């Protein structure tokens, strides 16, 4: 499969407490659930209280054409979660988040048959409506949805979701 994700990109390896214990490549991290690698997720809300959802591009190495969080991304080796979140928001959806407006929500470890990820979860409440720009290698579609619609979507078997983000949405937004 053709992917636009650089398979040689270096990620930190962390333990179950999020402490860095080594490093690995994207290819290795995405093929061995024993390797825990850190990533960020952001829930972006507009001024109407709707949450932004992202449909991943067809060229992503995991979860292509699946719905996911507003913004998600991997923390680079020797990277910082908050800085990664701000960078990923600019890369994926074209918005600049002021660091003080990025609210930390928590940390969560998720595991599935393919990979294990240590998530740093953030929330950003937009102060005004701004245009979003989907990066074509990352994002196929962006959509703001009311939480009632999100509850329906998350339980609709015809809607394709990335597995970990579905768990995160249920844990942090639809609790």
Protein backbone atom coordinates (compact mmCIF):
# COMPACT_ATOMS: atom_id res chain seq x y z
CA UNK A 1 0.00 0.00 0.00
CA UNK A 2 1.21 3.50 -0.84
CA UNK A 3 1.41 5.76 2.19
CA UNK A 4 2.43 9.37 2.61
CA UNK A 5 3.60 8.63 6.16
CA UNK A 6 7.42 8.43 6.48
CA UNK A 7 8.03 4.89 7.75
CA UNK A 8 11.54 5.72 8.97
CA UNK A 9 10.37 8.58 11.20
CA UNK A 10 11.78 8.15 14.73
CA UNK A 11 9.40 7.97 17.68
CA UNK A 12 10.16 7.67 21.37
CA UNK A 13 9.27 4.41 23.09
CA UNK A 14 7.60 4.92 26.47
CA UNK A 15 6.56 2.71 29.36
CA UNK A 16 3.01 2.49 30.74
CA UNK A 17 3.59 5.73 32.70
CA UNK A 18 4.66 7.68 29.61
CA UNK A 19 8.34 7.76 30.54
CA UNK A 20 10.76 7.59 27.60
CA UNK A 21 12.73 4.35 27.61
CA UNK A 22 14.03 4.18 24.04
CA UNK A 23 13.24 4.92 20.41
CA UNK A 24 11.79 3.20 17.37
CA UNK A 25 10.61 3.89 13.84
CA UNK A 26 7.05 4.50 12.72
CA UNK A 27 7.11 1.17 10.86
CA UNK A 28 8.12 -0.76 13.99
CA UNK A 29 5.73 1.12 16.30
CA UNK A 30 2.81 0.46 13.96
CA UNK A 31 3.47 -3.25 13.71
CA UNK A 32 4.27 -4.31 17.28
CA UNK A 33 1.72 -3.74 20.08
CA UNK A 34 4.48 -4.38 22.65
CA UNK A 35 6.01 -1.01 21.66
CA UNK A 36 4.25 1.92 23.32
CA UNK A 37 4.74 5.23 21.51
CA UNK A 38 3.35 8.64 22.54
CA UNK A 39 0.96 10.78 20.56
CA UNK A 40 -1.35 13.73 21.00
CA UNK A 41 -5.03 14.24 20.37
CA UNK A 42 -6.94 17.51 20.30
CA UNK A 43 -10.68 18.07 20.48
CA UNK A 44 -11.42 21.40 18.79
CA UNK A 45 -14.77 23.05 19.53
CA UNK A 46 -16.27 25.94 17.56
CA UNK A 47 -18.22 28.83 19.08
CA UNK A 48 -21.48 26.81 18.78
CA UNK A 49 -20.09 23.98 20.94
CA UNK A 50 -19.68 21.59 18.00
CA UNK A 51 -16.62 19.34 17.88
CA UNK A 52 -14.42 19.10 14.81
CA UNK A 53 -14.01 15.63 13.34
CA UNK A 54 -11.37 14.68 10.83
CA UNK A 55 -11.61 11.95 8.20
CA UNK A 56 -8.12 10.62 7.59
CA UNK A 57 -6.76 10.61 4.05
CA UNK A 58 -6.66 7.43 1.98
CA UNK A 59 -2.84 7.45 2.13
CA UNK A 60 -2.49 7.16 5.92
CA UNK A 61 -0.68 4.00 7.08
CA UNK A 62 -3.28 3.26 9.78
CA UNK A 63 -6.99 4.07 9.67
CA UNK A 64 -7.16 5.38 6.11
CA UNK A 65 -10.56 6.94 5.27
CA UNK A 66 -11.64 6.63 8.91
CA UNK A 67 -13.06 9.32 11.16
CA UNK A 68 -10.93 10.44 14.08
CA UNK A 69 -10.30 13.27 16.54
CA UNK A 70 -10.05 16.88 15.45
CA UNK A 71 -6.25 16.60 15.34
CA UNK A 72 -3.91 13.73 16.14
CA UNK A 73 -0.24 13.09 15.74
CA UNK A 74 2.87 11.38 16.98
CA UNK A 75 5.39 12.96 19.26
CA UNK A 76 8.82 13.00 17.65
CA UNK A 77 11.82 11.65 19.48
CA UNK A 78 12.84 14.28 22.07
CA UNK A 79 9.60 16.14 21.31
CA UNK A 80 7.12 17.74 23.72
CA UNK A 81 3.37 16.90 23.84
CA UNK A 82 2.09 20.50 23.92
CA UNK A 83 4.46 21.67 21.18
CA UNK A 84 3.48 18.62 19.12
CA UNK A 85 -0.22 19.45 19.54
CA UNK A 86 0.28 23.03 18.35
CA UNK A 87 2.39 21.88 15.37
CA UNK A 88 -0.08 19.17 14.37
CA UNK A 89 -3.02 21.62 14.50
CA UNK A 90 -1.18 23.88 12.07
CA UNK A 91 -0.16 20.97 9.80
CA UNK A 92 -3.47 19.10 9.70
CA UNK A 93 -6.17 21.78 9.87
CA UNK A 94 -4.31 25.05 9.32
CA UNK A 95 -5.01 26.82 12.61
CA UNK A 96 -2.65 28.39 15.11
CA UNK A 97 -3.55 27.56 18.71
CA UNK A 98 -2.22 29.97 21.33
CA UNK A 99 -0.39 27.73 23.85
CA UNK A 100 -2.29 29.16 26.86
CA UNK A 101 -5.63 28.29 25.22
CA UNK A 102 -4.75 24.61 24.77
CA UNK A 103 -6.34 22.84 27.75
CA UNK A 104 -4.79 19.59 28.95
CA UNK A 105 -7.49 16.94 29.57
CA UNK A 106 -5.45 13.88 30.52
CA UNK A 107 -3.24 10.96 29.53
CA UNK A 108 -4.44 7.56 28.38
CA UNK A 109 -2.81 4.34 27.20
CA UNK A 110 -4.62 2.50 24.40
CA UNK A 111 -3.77 -0.89 22.97
CA UNK A 112 -5.03 -2.84 19.99
CA UNK A 113 -3.85 -5.74 17.85
CA UNK A 114 -1.47 -3.54 15.83
CA UNK A 115 -0.07 -0.88 18.16
CA UNK A 116 -0.01 0.67 21.63
CA UNK A 117 -0.21 4.44 22.05
CA UNK A 118 0.24 6.71 25.06
CA UNK A 119 -2.09 9.65 24.39
CA UNK A 120 -1.83 13.22 25.67
CA UNK A 121 -5.32 14.69 25.20
CA UNK A 122 -6.08 18.39 24.79
CA UNK A 123 -9.10 20.61 24.16
CA UNK A 124 -9.18 23.86 22.26
CA UNK A 125 -12.23 26.15 22.26
CA UNK A 126 -12.10 28.46 19.26
CA UNK A 127 -12.74 32.08 20.24
CA UNK A 128 -14.03 32.89 16.76
CA UNK A 129 -14.83 31.06 13.55
CA UNK A 130 -11.71 30.76 11.41
CA UNK A 131 -11.26 28.99 8.09
CA UNK A 132 -9.78 25.51 8.29
CA UNK A 133 -7.38 24.13 5.71
CA UNK A 134 -7.17 20.35 5.46
CA UNK A 135 -3.68 19.08 4.57
CA UNK A 136 -4.31 16.69 1.62
CA UNK A 137 -1.73 14.08 2.74
CA UNK A 138 -3.30 13.97 6.20
CA UNK A 139 -6.99 14.81 5.92
CA UNK A 140 -9.75 13.85 3.49
CA UNK A 141 -12.55 15.81 5.17
CA UNK A 142 -13.24 18.10 8.12
CA UNK A 143 -16.64 18.49 9.74
CA UNK A 144 -17.99 20.19 12.86
CA UNK A 145 -20.74 18.13 14.48
CA UNK A 146 -23.04 18.73 17.44
CA UNK A 147 -22.48 16.29 20.32
CA UNK A 148 -25.92 14.70 19.74
CA UNK A 149 -24.90 13.87 16.17
CA UNK A 150 -21.53 12.58 17.39
CA UNK A 151 -23.34 10.18 19.77
CA UNK A 152 -25.25 8.77 16.80
CA UNK A 153 -22.16 8.59 14.56
CA UNK A 154 -20.01 6.83 17.17
CA UNK A 155 -22.59 4.03 17.47
CA UNK A 156 -23.43 3.78 13.77
CA UNK A 157 -21.83 0.60 12.37
CA UNK A 158 -21.76 2.11 8.87
CA UNK A 159 -19.45 4.95 9.98
CA UNK A 160 -15.78 3.94 9.84
CA UNK A 161 -13.73 5.07 12.84
CA UNK A 162 -10.10 4.71 13.79
CA UNK A 163 -10.34 2.43 16.83
CA UNK A 164 -8.31 4.31 19.45
CA UNK A 165 -9.86 7.72 18.68
CA UNK A 166 -13.33 6.20 19.03
CA UNK A 167 -12.38 5.13 22.58
CA UNK A 168 -10.94 8.59 23.31
CA UNK A 169 -14.07 10.37 22.07
CA UNK A 170 -16.22 8.19 24.32
CA UNK A 171 -13.91 8.68 27.31
CA UNK A 172 -13.25 12.43 27.04
CA UNK A 173 -16.21 13.93 25.15
CA UNK A 174 -19.24 11.67 25.42
CA UNK A 175 -18.80 10.56 29.03
